[in-house]
PDB file of N, CA and C in Angstrom:
ATOM      1  N   MET A   1     112.660 103.123  81.136  1.00  0.00           N
ATOM      2  CA  MET A   1     111.697 103.796  81.527  1.00  0.00           C
ATOM      3  C   MET A   1     111.249 104.186  82.699  1.00  0.00           C
ATOM      4  N   ALA A   2     110.868 102.999  83.177  1.00  0.00           N
ATOM      5  CA  ALA A   2     110.170 103.301  84.666  1.00  0.00           C
ATOM      6  C   ALA A   2     111.046 103.880  85.499  1.00  0.00           C
ATOM      7  N   GLU A   3     112.114 102.709  85.461  1.00  0.00           N
ATOM      8  CA  GLU A   3     113.563 102.284  86.672  1.00  0.00           C
ATOM      9  C   GLU A   3     114.194 104.060  86.749  1.00  0.00           C
ATOM     10  N   LYS A   4     114.188 104.710  85.817  1.00  0.00           N
ATOM     11  CA  LYS A   4     115.140 105.645  85.324  1.00  0.00           C
ATOM     12  C   LYS A   4     114.512 107.043  85.916  1.00  0.00           C
ATOM     13  N   ASN A   5     112.908 106.872  85.418  1.00  0.00           N
ATOM     14  CA  ASN A   5     112.016 108.321  86.011  1.00  0.00           C
ATOM     15  C   ASN A   5     111.213 108.289  86.814  1.00  0.00           C
ATOM     16  N   PHE A   6     111.123 107.087  87.865  1.00  0.00           N
ATOM     17  CA  PHE A   6     110.394 106.792  88.841  1.00  0.00           C
ATOM     18  C   PHE A   6     110.707 106.384  90.181  1.00  0.00           C
ATOM     19  N   SER A   7     111.704 105.778  89.863  1.00  0.00           N
ATOM     20  CA  SER A   7     112.175 104.510  90.994  1.00  0.00           C
ATOM     21  C   SER A   7     111.460 103.862  91.431  1.00  0.00           C
ATOM     22  N   PRO A   8     110.630 102.747  90.514  1.00  0.00           N
ATOM     23  CA  PRO A   8     109.509 102.399  91.429  1.00  0.00           C
ATOM     24  C   PRO A   8     110.113 100.805  92.273  1.00  0.00           C
ATOM     25  N   CYS A   9     109.844 100.906  93.355  1.00  0.00           N
ATOM     26  CA  CYS A   9     110.140  99.807  94.033  1.00  0.00           C
ATOM     27  C   CYS A   9     109.371  98.039  93.701  1.00  0.00           C
ATOM     28  N   ARG A  10     108.251  98.381  92.825  1.00  0.00           N
ATOM     29  CA  ARG A  10     107.727  97.132  92.189  1.00  0.00           C
ATOM     30  C   ARG A  10     106.931  97.761  91.101  1.00  0.00           C
ATOM     31  N   ALA A  11     107.096  96.723  90.115  1.00  0.00           N
ATOM     32  CA  ALA A  11     106.368  96.673  88.942  1.00  0.00           C
ATOM     33  C   ALA A  11     105.077  95.902  88.595  1.00  0.00           C
ATOM     34  N   ILE A  12     104.339  95.856  87.892  1.00  0.00           N
ATOM     35  CA  ILE A  12     103.383  94.417  87.804  1.00  0.00           C
ATOM     36  C   ILE A  12     102.990  94.246  86.260  1.00  0.00           C
ATOM     37  N   LEU A  13     103.085  93.636  85.642  1.00  0.00           N
ATOM     38  CA  LEU A  13     102.374  93.164  84.136  1.00  0.00           C
ATOM     39  C   LEU A  13     101.486  92.650  84.743  1.00  0.00           C
ATOM     40  N   PHE A  14     100.220  92.927  84.294  1.00  0.00           N
ATOM     41  CA  PHE A  14      98.626  92.040  84.334  1.00  0.00           C
ATOM     42  C   PHE A  14      97.958  92.502  83.172  1.00  0.00           C
ATOM     43  N   GLY A  15      96.888  91.616  82.834  1.00  0.00           N
ATOM     44  CA  GLY A  15      96.163  91.877  81.629  1.00  0.00           C
ATOM     45  C   GLY A  15      96.307  90.972  80.956  1.00  0.00           C
ATOM     46  N   SER A  16      95.924  90.742  79.650  1.00  0.00           N
ATOM     47  CA  SER A  16      96.051  89.482  78.931  1.00  0.00           C
ATOM     48  C   SER A  16      97.556  89.192  78.485  1.00  0.00           C
ATOM     49  N   ARG A  17      98.755  90.410  78.720  1.00  0.00           N
ATOM     50  CA  ARG A  17      99.801  89.733  78.427  1.00  0.00           C
ATOM     51  C   ARG A  17     100.262  88.964  79.633  1.00  0.00           C
ATOM     52  N   ALA A  18      99.893  89.499  80.479  1.00  0.00           N
ATOM     53  CA  ALA A  18     100.617  88.638  81.482  1.00  0.00           C
ATOM     54  C   ALA A  18      99.828  87.553  81.741  1.00  0.00           C
ATOM     55  N   LYS A  19      98.571  87.137  81.490  1.00  0.00           N
ATOM     56  CA  LYS A  19      97.983  86.120  81.159  1.00  0.00           C
ATOM     57  C   LYS A  19      98.016  84.966  79.878  1.00  0.00           C
ATOM     58  N   GLY A  20      99.213  85.366  78.750  1.00  0.00           N
ATOM     59  CA  GLY A  20      99.273  84.782  77.806  1.00  0.00           C
ATOM     60  C   GLY A  20      98.092  84.298  76.716  1.00  0.00           C
ATOM     61  N   LYS A  21      97.297  85.806  77.067  1.00  0.00           N
ATOM     62  CA  LYS A  21      96.011  85.230  75.997  1.00  0.00           C
ATOM     63  C   LYS A  21      96.088  86.896  75.388  1.00  0.00           C
ATOM     64  N   SER A  22      97.043  87.420  74.884  1.00  0.00           N
ATOM     65  CA  SER A  22      97.439  88.604  74.248  1.00  0.00           C
ATOM     66  C   SER A  22      97.097  88.465  72.641  1.00  0.00           C
ATOM     67  N   LYS A  23      96.647  89.415  71.858  1.00  0.00           N
ATOM     68  CA  LYS A  23      96.357  89.378  70.326  1.00  0.00           C
ATOM     69  C   LYS A  23      97.480  90.052  70.029  1.00  0.00           C
ATOM     70  N   LYS A  24      97.754  90.430  69.005  1.00  0.00           N
ATOM     71  CA  LYS A  24      98.637  91.243  68.216  1.00  0.00           C
ATOM     72  C   LYS A  24      98.712  92.449  68.603  1.00  0.00           C
ATOM     73  N   ASP A  25      97.165  92.884  68.771  1.00  0.00           N
ATOM     74  CA  ASP A  25      97.277  94.473  68.682  1.00  0.00           C
ATOM     75  C   ASP A  25      97.012  94.793  70.176  1.00  0.00           C
ATOM     76  N   SER A  26      97.534  93.891  71.455  1.00  0.00           N
ATOM     77  CA  SER A  26      96.706  93.713  72.764  1.00  0.00           C
ATOM     78  C   SER A  26      97.961  94.994  73.477  1.00  0.00           C
ATOM     79  N   ASP A  27      96.911  96.004  74.232  1.00  0.00           N
ATOM     80  CA  ASP A  27      98.280  97.049  75.029  1.00  0.00           C
ATOM     81  C   ASP A  27      98.744  95.964  76.143  1.00  0.00           C
ATOM     82  N   TYR A  28      99.683  96.739  77.092  1.00  0.00           N
ATOM     83  CA  TYR A  28     100.148  96.516  77.756  1.00  0.00           C
ATOM     84  C   TYR A  28      99.642  97.127  79.255  1.00  0.00           C
ATOM     85  N   ASP A  29      99.696  96.323  80.117  1.00  0.00           N
ATOM     86  CA  ASP A  29      99.034  96.588  81.135  1.00  0.00           C
ATOM     87  C   ASP A  29      99.784  96.990  82.450  1.00  0.00           C
ATOM     88  N   PHE A  30     100.768  98.296  83.115  1.00  0.00           N
ATOM     89  CA  PHE A  30     101.311  97.862  84.161  1.00  0.00           C
ATOM     90  C   PHE A  30     100.591  98.461  85.423  1.00  0.00           C
ATOM     91  N   ILE A  31     101.102  98.038  86.494  1.00  0.00           N
ATOM     92  CA  ILE A  31     100.669  99.218  88.044  1.00  0.00           C
ATOM     93  C   ILE A  31     102.003  99.136  88.261  1.00  0.00           C
ATOM     94  N   LEU A  32     102.774 100.452  88.422  1.00  0.00           N
ATOM     95  CA  LEU A  32     104.180 101.307  88.804  1.00  0.00           C
ATOM     96  C   LEU A  32     104.123 101.394  90.425  1.00  0.00           C
ATOM     97  N   ILE A  33     104.635 100.827  91.523  1.00  0.00           N
ATOM     98  CA  ILE A  33     104.806 101.533  92.680  1.00  0.00           C
ATOM     99  C   ILE A  33     105.942 102.145  93.072  1.00  0.00           C
ATOM    100  N   SER A  34     105.546 103.453  93.282  1.00  0.00           N
ATOM    101  CA  SER A  34     107.151 104.004  93.728  1.00  0.00           C
ATOM    102  C   SER A  34     106.783 105.097  94.776  1.00  0.00           C
ATOM    103  N   PRO A  35     107.662 105.696  95.992  1.00  0.00           N
ATOM    104  CA  PRO A  35     107.112 106.522  96.696  1.00  0.00           C
ATOM    105  C   PRO A  35     107.332 107.813  95.953  1.00  0.00           C
ATOM    106  N   ARG A  36     107.977 107.937  95.246  1.00  0.00           N
ATOM    107  CA  ARG A  36     108.215 109.153  94.090  1.00  0.00           C
ATOM    108  C   ARG A  36     107.166 110.192  94.118  1.00  0.00           C
ATOM    109  N   PHE A  37     105.799 108.557  93.490  1.00  0.00           N
ATOM    110  CA  PHE A  37     104.407 109.340  93.282  1.00  0.00           C
ATOM    111  C   PHE A  37     103.942 110.130  94.546  1.00  0.00           C
ATOM    112  N   ARG A  38     104.625 109.810  95.695  1.00  0.00           N
ATOM    113  CA  ARG A  38     103.770 111.147  96.570  1.00  0.00           C
ATOM    114  C   ARG A  38     104.114 112.071  96.691  1.00  0.00           C
ATOM    115  N   LYS A  39     104.733 112.794  95.781  1.00  0.00           N
ATOM    116  CA  LYS A  39     104.955 114.394  95.276  1.00  0.00           C
ATOM    117  C   LYS A  39     104.020 114.669  94.459  1.00  0.00           C
ATOM    118  N   TRP A  40     103.289 113.798  93.701  1.00  0.00           N
ATOM    119  CA  TRP A  40     102.233 114.322  92.586  1.00  0.00           C
ATOM    120  C   TRP A  40     100.842 113.677  92.702  1.00  0.00           C
ATOM    121  N   GLU A  41      99.833 115.063  92.089  1.00  0.00           N
ATOM    122  CA  GLU A  41      98.599 114.345  92.260  1.00  0.00           C
ATOM    123  C   GLU A  41      98.387 112.779  91.155  1.00  0.00           C
ATOM    124  N   TRP A  42      97.839 112.103  91.292  1.00  0.00           N
ATOM    125  CA  TRP A  42      97.010 111.110  90.389  1.00  0.00           C
ATOM    126  C   TRP A  42      97.252 111.763  89.063  1.00  0.00           C
ATOM    127  N   GLU A  43      96.487 112.669  88.451  1.00  0.00           N
ATOM    128  CA  GLU A  43      96.926 113.211  86.876  1.00  0.00           C
ATOM    129  C   GLU A  43      98.335 113.402  86.351  1.00  0.00           C
ATOM    130  N   GLU A  44      98.774 114.202  87.566  1.00  0.00           N
ATOM    131  CA  GLU A  44     100.562 114.321  87.440  1.00  0.00           C
ATOM    132  C   GLU A  44     101.121 113.536  87.314  1.00  0.00           C
ATOM    133  N   ARG A  45     100.963 111.897  87.806  1.00  0.00           N
ATOM    134  CA  ARG A  45     101.734 111.484  88.151  1.00  0.00           C
ATOM    135  C   ARG A  45     101.980 110.545  86.415  1.00  0.00           C
ATOM    136  N   THR A  46     100.172 110.152  86.524  1.00  0.00           N
ATOM    137  CA  THR A  46     100.047 109.695  84.943  1.00  0.00           C
ATOM    138  C   THR A  46     100.106 110.450  84.278  1.00  0.00           C
ATOM    139  N   ALA A  47     100.352 111.689  83.632  1.00  0.00           N
ATOM    140  CA  ALA A  47     100.984 112.298  82.801  1.00  0.00           C
ATOM    141  C   ALA A  47     102.435 112.143  82.648  1.00  0.00           C
ATOM    142  N   ARG A  48     102.966 111.991  83.985  1.00  0.00           N
ATOM    143  CA  ARG A  48     104.659 111.889  83.473  1.00  0.00           C
ATOM    144  C   ARG A  48     104.847 110.197  83.285  1.00  0.00           C
ATOM    145  N   ALA A  49     104.090 109.459  83.419  1.00  0.00           N
ATOM    146  CA  ALA A  49     104.021 108.582  82.821  1.00  0.00           C
ATOM    147  C   ALA A  49     104.287 107.915  81.421  1.00  0.00           C
ATOM    148  N   TYR A  50     103.012 108.688  80.923  1.00  0.00           N
ATOM    149  CA  TYR A  50     102.801 108.225  80.014  1.00  0.00           C
ATOM    150  C   TYR A  50     103.391 109.483  78.869  1.00  0.00           C
ATOM    151  N   HIS A  51     104.091 110.518  79.428  1.00  0.00           N
ATOM    152  CA  HIS A  51     105.212 111.279  78.649  1.00  0.00           C
ATOM    153  C   HIS A  51     106.553 110.499  78.465  1.00  0.00           C
ATOM    154  N   ALA A  52     107.032 109.795  79.881  1.00  0.00           N
ATOM    155  CA  ALA A  52     108.367 108.679  80.041  1.00  0.00           C
ATOM    156  C   ALA A  52     107.711 108.035  78.868  1.00  0.00           C
ATOM    157  N   LYS A  53     107.059 106.934  78.287  1.00  0.00           N
ATOM    158  CA  LYS A  53     106.927 106.071  77.533  1.00  0.00           C
ATOM    159  C   LYS A  53     106.787 106.396  76.009  1.00  0.00           C
ATOM    160  N   ARG A  54     107.033 107.600  75.737  1.00  0.00           N
ATOM    161  CA  ARG A  54     105.861 108.681  74.284  1.00  0.00           C
ATOM    162  C   ARG A  54     107.382 107.548  73.360  1.00  0.00           C
ATOM    163  N   ASP A  55     108.088 107.277  73.613  1.00  0.00           N
ATOM    164  CA  ASP A  55     109.455 107.208  72.473  1.00  0.00           C
ATOM    165  C   ASP A  55     108.799 105.589  72.159  1.00  0.00           C
ATOM    166  N   ILE A  56     108.094 104.587  73.264  1.00  0.00           N
ATOM    167  CA  ILE A  56     107.862 103.436  73.087  1.00  0.00           C
ATOM    168  C   ILE A  56     106.953 103.057  72.110  1.00  0.00           C
ATOM    169  N   PRO A  57     107.089 102.357  71.071  1.00  0.00           N
ATOM    170  CA  PRO A  57     105.995 102.022  69.779  1.00  0.00           C
ATOM    171  C   PRO A  57     104.937 101.211  70.751  1.00  0.00           C
ATOM    172  N   ALA A  58     104.638 101.239  71.625  1.00  0.00           N
ATOM    173  CA  ALA A  58     103.400 100.034  72.214  1.00  0.00           C
ATOM    174  C   ALA A  58     102.257 100.523  73.193  1.00  0.00           C
ATOM    175  N   ALA A  59     101.167 100.381  72.539  1.00  0.00           N
ATOM    176  CA  ALA A  59     100.105 100.714  73.680  1.00  0.00           C
ATOM    177  C   ALA A  59      99.943 100.443  74.937  1.00  0.00           C
ATOM    178  N   MET A  60      99.839 101.123  75.899  1.00  0.00           N
ATOM    179  CA  MET A  60      99.778 100.868  77.719  1.00  0.00           C
ATOM    180  C   MET A  60      99.323 101.663  77.679  1.00  0.00           C
ATOM    181  N   ASP A  61      98.660 100.756  79.289  1.00  0.00           N
ATOM    182  CA  ASP A  61      97.980 101.533  80.245  1.00  0.00           C
ATOM    183  C   ASP A  61      98.624 101.602  81.944  1.00  0.00           C
ATOM    184  N   ILE A  62      98.867 102.679  82.353  1.00  0.00           N
ATOM    185  CA  ILE A  62      99.933 102.725  83.314  1.00  0.00           C
ATOM    186  C   ILE A  62      99.281 103.179  84.739  1.00  0.00           C
ATOM    187  N   ILE A  63      98.978 102.320  85.467  1.00  0.00           N
ATOM    188  CA  ILE A  63      98.648 102.846  86.892  1.00  0.00           C
ATOM    189  C   ILE A  63      99.893 102.948  87.822  1.00  0.00           C
ATOM    190  N   CYS A  64      99.913 104.447  88.365  1.00  0.00           N
ATOM    191  CA  CYS A  64     100.776 104.786  88.887  1.00  0.00           C
ATOM    192  C   CYS A  64     100.425 104.706  90.309  1.00  0.00           C
ATOM    193  N   LEU A  65     100.963 104.262  91.603  1.00  0.00           N
ATOM    194  CA  LEU A  65     100.258 104.346  93.016  1.00  0.00           C
ATOM    195  C   LEU A  65     101.726 104.132  93.808  1.00  0.00           C
ATOM    196  N   THR A  66     101.620 105.030  94.964  1.00  0.00           N
ATOM    197  CA  THR A  66     102.331 105.022  95.968  1.00  0.00           C
ATOM    198  C   THR A  66     102.406 103.874  96.968  1.00  0.00           C
ATOM    199  N   PRO A  67     103.283 103.379  97.238  1.00  0.00           N
ATOM    200  CA  PRO A  67     102.907 102.301  98.440  1.00  0.00           C
ATOM    201  C   PRO A  67     101.738 101.798  99.260  1.00  0.00           C
ATOM    202  N   GLU A  68     101.647 103.365  99.786  1.00  0.00           N
ATOM    203  CA  GLU A  68     100.375 103.305 100.711  1.00  0.00           C
ATOM    204  C   GLU A  68      98.949 103.191 100.018  1.00  0.00           C
ATOM    205  N   GLU A  69      99.059 103.644  99.233  1.00  0.00           N
ATOM    206  CA  GLU A  69      97.443 103.562  98.134  1.00  0.00           C
ATOM    207  C   GLU A  69      97.617 101.867  97.605  1.00  0.00           C
ATOM    208  N   PHE A  70      98.772 101.685  97.529  1.00  0.00           N
ATOM    209  CA  PHE A  70      98.747 100.088  96.903  1.00  0.00           C
ATOM    210  C   PHE A  70      98.301  99.392  97.738  1.00  0.00           C
ATOM    211  N   GLU A  71      99.424  99.336  99.007  1.00  0.00           N
ATOM    212  CA  GLU A  71      98.719  98.708 100.303  1.00  0.00           C
ATOM    213  C   GLU A  71      97.098  98.397 100.072  1.00  0.00           C
ATOM    214  N   ILE A  72      96.384  99.782  99.727  1.00  0.00           N
ATOM    215  CA  ILE A  72      95.021  99.689 100.922  1.00  0.00           C
ATOM    216  C   ILE A  72      94.212  99.344  99.521  1.00  0.00           C
ATOM    217  N   LYS A  73      94.397  99.492  98.141  1.00  0.00           N
ATOM    218  CA  LYS A  73      93.697  99.318  97.255  1.00  0.00           C
ATOM    219  C   LYS A  73      93.929  97.750  97.003  1.00  0.00           C
ATOM    220  N   LYS A  74      95.269  97.223  96.959  1.00  0.00           N
ATOM    221  CA  LYS A  74      95.662  95.368  96.991  1.00  0.00           C
ATOM    222  C   LYS A  74      94.390  94.703  97.650  1.00  0.00           C
ATOM    223  N   LYS A  75      93.797  95.323  98.953  1.00  0.00           N
ATOM    224  CA  LYS A  75      92.987  94.458  99.746  1.00  0.00           C
ATOM    225  C   LYS A  75      91.266  94.973  99.122  1.00  0.00           C
ATOM    226  N   GLN A  76      90.995  95.503  97.983  1.00  0.00           N
ATOM    227  CA  GLN A  76      89.913  96.376  97.808  1.00  0.00           C
ATOM    228  C   GLN A  76      89.708  95.697  96.760  1.00  0.00           C
ATOM    229  N   ILE A  77      88.608  94.851  96.380  1.00  0.00           N
ATOM    230  CA  ILE A  77      87.905  94.104  95.139  1.00  0.00           C
ATOM    231  C   ILE A  77      87.828  94.983  94.163  1.00  0.00           C
ATOM    232  N   GLY A  78      88.438  94.605  92.963  1.00  0.00           N
ATOM    233  CA  GLY A  78      88.780  95.665  91.972  1.00  0.00           C
ATOM    234  C   GLY A  78      90.069  95.270  91.243  1.00  0.00           C
ATOM    235  N   ILE A  79      90.737  96.238  89.881  1.00  0.00           N
ATOM    236  CA  ILE A  79      91.546  95.839  89.287  1.00  0.00           C
ATOM    237  C   ILE A  79      93.214  95.778  89.761  1.00  0.00           C
ATOM    238  N   ILE A  80      93.258  96.068  90.722  1.00  0.00           N
ATOM    239  CA  ILE A  80      94.421  96.054  91.540  1.00  0.00           C
ATOM    240  C   ILE A  80      94.328  95.063  92.441  1.00  0.00           C
ATOM    241  N   GLN A  81      93.668  94.310  92.767  1.00  0.00           N
ATOM    242  CA  GLN A  81      93.804  93.356  93.184  1.00  0.00           C
ATOM    243  C   GLN A  81      93.503  91.926  92.634  1.00  0.00           C
ATOM    244  N   GLU A  82      92.872  92.075  91.218  1.00  0.00           N
ATOM    245  CA  GLU A  82      92.848  91.195  90.516  1.00  0.00           C
ATOM    246  C   GLU A  82      94.500  90.674  89.894  1.00  0.00           C
ATOM    247  N   ALA A  83      95.214  92.512  89.409  1.00  0.00           N
ATOM    248  CA  ALA A  83      96.250  92.458  89.140  1.00  0.00           C
ATOM    249  C   ALA A  83      97.266  91.549  89.866  1.00  0.00           C
ATOM    250  N   VAL A  84      97.249  91.864  91.239  1.00  0.00           N
ATOM    251  CA  VAL A  84      98.229  90.978  92.153  1.00  0.00           C
ATOM    252  C   VAL A  84      98.117  89.710  92.418  1.00  0.00           C
ATOM    253  N   ARG A  85      96.881  88.976  92.083  1.00  0.00           N
ATOM    254  CA  ARG A  85      96.609  87.768  92.044  1.00  0.00           C
ATOM    255  C   ARG A  85      97.018  87.153  90.736  1.00  0.00           C
ATOM    256  N   GLU A  86      96.826  87.696  89.385  1.00  0.00           N
ATOM    257  CA  GLU A  86      97.216  87.154  88.200  1.00  0.00           C
ATOM    258  C   GLU A  86      98.256  87.874  87.351  1.00  0.00           C
ATOM    259  N   GLY A  87      99.029  88.851  87.851  1.00  0.00           N
ATOM    260  CA  GLY A  87     100.229  89.713  87.041  1.00  0.00           C
ATOM    261  C   GLY A  87     101.036  88.747  87.632  1.00  0.00           C
ATOM    262  N   ILE A  88     102.348  89.493  86.869  1.00  0.00           N
ATOM    263  CA  ILE A  88     103.713  89.217  86.993  1.00  0.00           C
ATOM    264  C   ILE A  88     104.639  90.226  87.441  1.00  0.00           C
ATOM    265  N   ASN A  89     105.014  89.683  88.501  1.00  0.00           N
ATOM    266  CA  ASN A  89     106.243  90.610  89.205  1.00  0.00           C
ATOM    267  C   ASN A  89     106.844  90.935  88.127  1.00  0.00           C
ATOM    268  N   ILE A  90     107.431  92.324  87.777  1.00  0.00           N
ATOM    269  CA  ILE A  90     108.531  92.818  86.766  1.00  0.00           C
ATOM    270  C   ILE A  90     109.608  93.279  87.343  1.00  0.00           C
ATOM    271  N   LEU A  91     109.417  93.549  88.432  1.00  0.00           N
ATOM    272  CA  LEU A  91     110.725  94.577  89.199  1.00  0.00           C
ATOM    273  C   LEU A  91     110.118  94.650  90.774  1.00  0.00           C
TER     274      LEU A  91
END
């Protein structure tokens, strides 16, 4: 889904699935980093990501960042920094 639509340079799985603490109904939390996101505002890239995953029968939260946004946000206290520290690089 992500590779075909967004050509991400990095993808991170984070949250309970990455920590091995998921339950049956836990969602999948992803950060996708792609230079292609530069051409879309936040809402547009998020909408495109959710549209691309529409045929996948699993609940997902997807954060879409440009490489520049990711470099800034990974240094700030918050979910991105936690994902970098505790997540799994899947791409």
